[in-house]
Amino acid sequence: GVQMDVLERIQLQIVDALDSGNVGSRLTPTSDSDARGVDLELLRGGNAVRFGETWDHGPSRVGMQNIPFSARYVRNAEALEPGEIKGQATLSLDYN
């Protein structure tokens, strides 16, 4: 048989890079964002993330891992103003 190296477990955590206390799913806009009336919401596997929450990726073979992230615009209470909106997130992995 073929022997494959297996990691025990991978624990992941994503945080809003601009607001470490943010426990929601909407990214804090970067200082150069000028669009108004929308927020960027981060999704994992099609569901809203919870910043700061750790989840178990499960056992994994050594190599590339597929973790499906996406983002969407969510309307907020501000008046709509066209422009650009950006956010930043940090993904941390803990494995053994």
C-alpha atoms as a PDB file:
ATOM      1  CA  GLY A   1       0.000   0.000   0.000  1.00  0.00           C
ATOM      2  CA  VAL A   2       0.893   3.660  -0.241  1.00  0.00           C
ATOM      3  CA  GLN A   3       1.796   5.381   3.010  1.00  0.00           C
ATOM      4  CA  MET A   4       0.520   8.955   3.333  1.00  0.00           C
ATOM      5  CA  ASP A   5       1.475  11.494   5.959  1.00  0.00           C
ATOM      6  CA  VAL A   6      -1.630  12.595   7.876  1.00  0.00           C
ATOM      7  CA  LEU A   7      -1.996  15.639  10.131  1.00  0.00           C
ATOM      8  CA  GLU A   8      -3.871  14.942  13.356  1.00  0.00           C
ATOM      9  CA  ARG A   9      -6.235  17.896  13.190  1.00  0.00           C
ATOM     10  CA  ILE A  10      -6.278  21.404  11.775  1.00  0.00           C
ATOM     11  CA  GLN A  11      -7.922  24.158  13.829  1.00  0.00           C
ATOM     12  CA  LEU A  12      -8.684  27.377  11.945  1.00  0.00           C
ATOM     13  CA  GLN A  13      -9.659  30.864  13.047  1.00  0.00           C
ATOM     14  CA  ILE A  14     -10.410  33.964  10.993  1.00  0.00           C
ATOM     15  CA  VAL A  15     -10.396  37.491  12.390  1.00  0.00           C
ATOM     16  CA  ASP A  16     -11.131  40.960  11.035  1.00  0.00           C
ATOM     17  CA  ALA A  17      -7.606  42.317  10.532  1.00  0.00           C
ATOM     18  CA  LEU A  18      -8.748  45.888  11.233  1.00  0.00           C
ATOM     19  CA  ASP A  19     -10.872  45.160  14.341  1.00  0.00           C
ATOM     20  CA  SER A  20      -9.758  42.208  16.485  1.00  0.00           C
ATOM     21  CA  GLY A  21     -12.866  42.609  18.677  1.00  0.00           C
ATOM     22  CA  ASN A  22     -15.260  42.136  15.743  1.00  0.00           C
ATOM     23  CA  VAL A  23     -17.246  38.924  16.385  1.00  0.00           C
ATOM     24  CA  GLY A  24     -19.648  39.373  13.470  1.00  0.00           C
ATOM     25  CA  SER A  25     -19.234  38.495   9.802  1.00  0.00           C
ATOM     26  CA  ARG A  26     -18.904  41.958   8.220  1.00  0.00           C
ATOM     27  CA  LEU A  27     -15.388  43.238   7.586  1.00  0.00           C
ATOM     28  CA  THR A  28     -14.337  46.681   8.803  1.00  0.00           C
ATOM     29  CA  PRO A  29     -13.729  48.821   5.688  1.00  0.00           C
ATOM     30  CA  THR A  30     -10.130  49.838   5.009  1.00  0.00           C
ATOM     31  CA  SER A  31      -9.279  53.531   5.408  1.00  0.00           C
ATOM     32  CA  ASP A  32      -9.198  54.009   1.617  1.00  0.00           C
ATOM     33  CA  SER A  33     -12.720  52.608   1.114  1.00  0.00           C
ATOM     34  CA  ASP A  34     -15.095  55.300  -0.095  1.00  0.00           C
ATOM     35  CA  ALA A  35     -18.305  53.393  -0.947  1.00  0.00           C
ATOM     36  CA  ARG A  36     -21.172  53.886   1.517  1.00  0.00           C
ATOM     37  CA  GLY A  37     -24.380  51.982   2.192  1.00  0.00           C
ATOM     38  CA  VAL A  38     -22.862  48.505   1.881  1.00  0.00           C
ATOM     39  CA  ASP A  39     -20.662  46.236   3.950  1.00  0.00           C
ATOM     40  CA  LEU A  40     -18.553  43.243   2.907  1.00  0.00           C
ATOM     41  CA  GLU A  41     -19.709  40.036   4.571  1.00  0.00           C
ATOM     42  CA  LEU A  42     -17.310  37.089   4.646  1.00  0.00           C
ATOM     43  CA  LEU A  43     -18.700  33.579   4.066  1.00  0.00           C
ATOM     44  CA  ARG A  44     -17.237  30.117   4.610  1.00  0.00           C
ATOM     45  CA  GLY A  45     -18.932  27.345   2.683  1.00  0.00           C
ATOM     46  CA  GLY A  46     -21.776  29.740   1.838  1.00  0.00           C
ATOM     47  CA  ASN A  47     -22.525  30.638   5.481  1.00  0.00           C
ATOM     48  CA  ALA A  48     -21.601  33.833   7.320  1.00  0.00           C
ATOM     49  CA  VAL A  49     -18.392  33.457   9.348  1.00  0.00           C
ATOM     50  CA  ARG A  50     -18.087  34.443  13.005  1.00  0.00           C
ATOM     51  CA  PHE A  51     -14.809  36.288  13.433  1.00  0.00           C
ATOM     52  CA  GLY A  52     -12.751  34.931  16.308  1.00  0.00           C
ATOM     53  CA  GLU A  53     -14.497  31.546  16.374  1.00  0.00           C
ATOM     54  CA  THR A  54     -12.281  28.477  15.967  1.00  0.00           C
ATOM     55  CA  TRP A  55     -13.448  25.546  13.865  1.00  0.00           C
ATOM     56  CA  ASP A  56     -12.097  22.074  13.220  1.00  0.00           C
ATOM     57  CA  HIS A  57     -11.062  21.331   9.638  1.00  0.00           C
ATOM     58  CA  GLY A  58     -10.644  17.676  10.601  1.00  0.00           C
ATOM     59  CA  PRO A  59      -7.882  15.211   9.733  1.00  0.00           C
ATOM     60  CA  SER A  60      -6.015  16.159   6.605  1.00  0.00           C
ATOM     61  CA  ARG A  61      -3.329  14.829   4.318  1.00  0.00           C
ATOM     62  CA  VAL A  62      -0.220  16.941   3.898  1.00  0.00           C
ATOM     63  CA  GLY A  63      -0.568  19.296   0.935  1.00  0.00           C
ATOM     64  CA  MET A  64      -3.077  21.752  -0.483  1.00  0.00           C
ATOM     65  CA  GLN A  65      -6.313  22.234   1.459  1.00  0.00           C
ATOM     66  CA  ASN A  66      -9.601  23.500   0.027  1.00  0.00           C
ATOM     67  CA  ILE A  67     -11.358  25.967   2.351  1.00  0.00           C
ATOM     68  CA  PRO A  68     -14.201  27.667   0.474  1.00  0.00           C
ATOM     69  CA  PHE A  69     -14.404  31.389   1.322  1.00  0.00           C
ATOM     70  CA  SER A  70     -16.453  33.999  -0.520  1.00  0.00           C
ATOM     71  CA  ALA A  71     -17.785  37.484   0.142  1.00  0.00           C
ATOM     72  CA  ARG A  72     -20.967  39.375  -0.604  1.00  0.00           C
ATOM     73  CA  TYR A  73     -22.245  42.911  -0.342  1.00  0.00           C
ATOM     74  CA  VAL A  74     -24.797  43.527   2.420  1.00  0.00           C
ATOM     75  CA  ARG A  75     -26.862  46.715   2.538  1.00  0.00           C
ATOM     76  CA  ASN A  76     -26.519  48.813   5.697  1.00  0.00           C
ATOM     77  CA  ALA A  77     -28.421  51.882   6.945  1.00  0.00           C
ATOM     78  CA  GLU A  78     -26.109  54.504   5.385  1.00  0.00           C
ATOM     79  CA  ALA A  79     -27.100  56.333   2.198  1.00  0.00           C
ATOM     80  CA  LEU A  80     -25.734  54.630  -0.912  1.00  0.00           C
ATOM     81  CA  GLU A  81     -22.645  56.250  -2.381  1.00  0.00           C
ATOM     82  CA  PRO A  82     -20.687  54.641  -5.219  1.00  0.00           C
ATOM     83  CA  GLY A  83     -17.046  53.852  -4.719  1.00  0.00           C
ATOM     84  CA  GLU A  84     -14.729  51.100  -3.657  1.00  0.00           C
ATOM     85  CA  ILE A  85     -14.945  49.015  -0.496  1.00  0.00           C
ATOM     86  CA  LYS A  86     -12.206  46.742   0.811  1.00  0.00           C
ATOM     87  CA  GLY A  87     -11.650  44.721   3.968  1.00  0.00           C
ATOM     88  CA  GLN A  88      -8.899  42.523   5.375  1.00  0.00           C
ATOM     89  CA  ALA A  89      -9.057  39.247   7.270  1.00  0.00           C
ATOM     90  CA  THR A  90      -6.389  37.071   8.846  1.00  0.00           C
ATOM     91  CA  LEU A  91      -6.672  33.276   8.754  1.00  0.00           C
ATOM     92  CA  SER A  92      -4.719  31.342  11.416  1.00  0.00           C
ATOM     93  CA  LEU A  93      -4.089  27.598  11.357  1.00  0.00           C
ATOM     94  CA  ASP A  94      -3.065  25.443  14.296  1.00  0.00           C
ATOM     95  CA  TYR A  95      -2.055  21.895  13.489  1.00  0.00           C
ATOM     96  CA  ASN A  96      -0.139  19.037  15.022  1.00  0.00           C
END
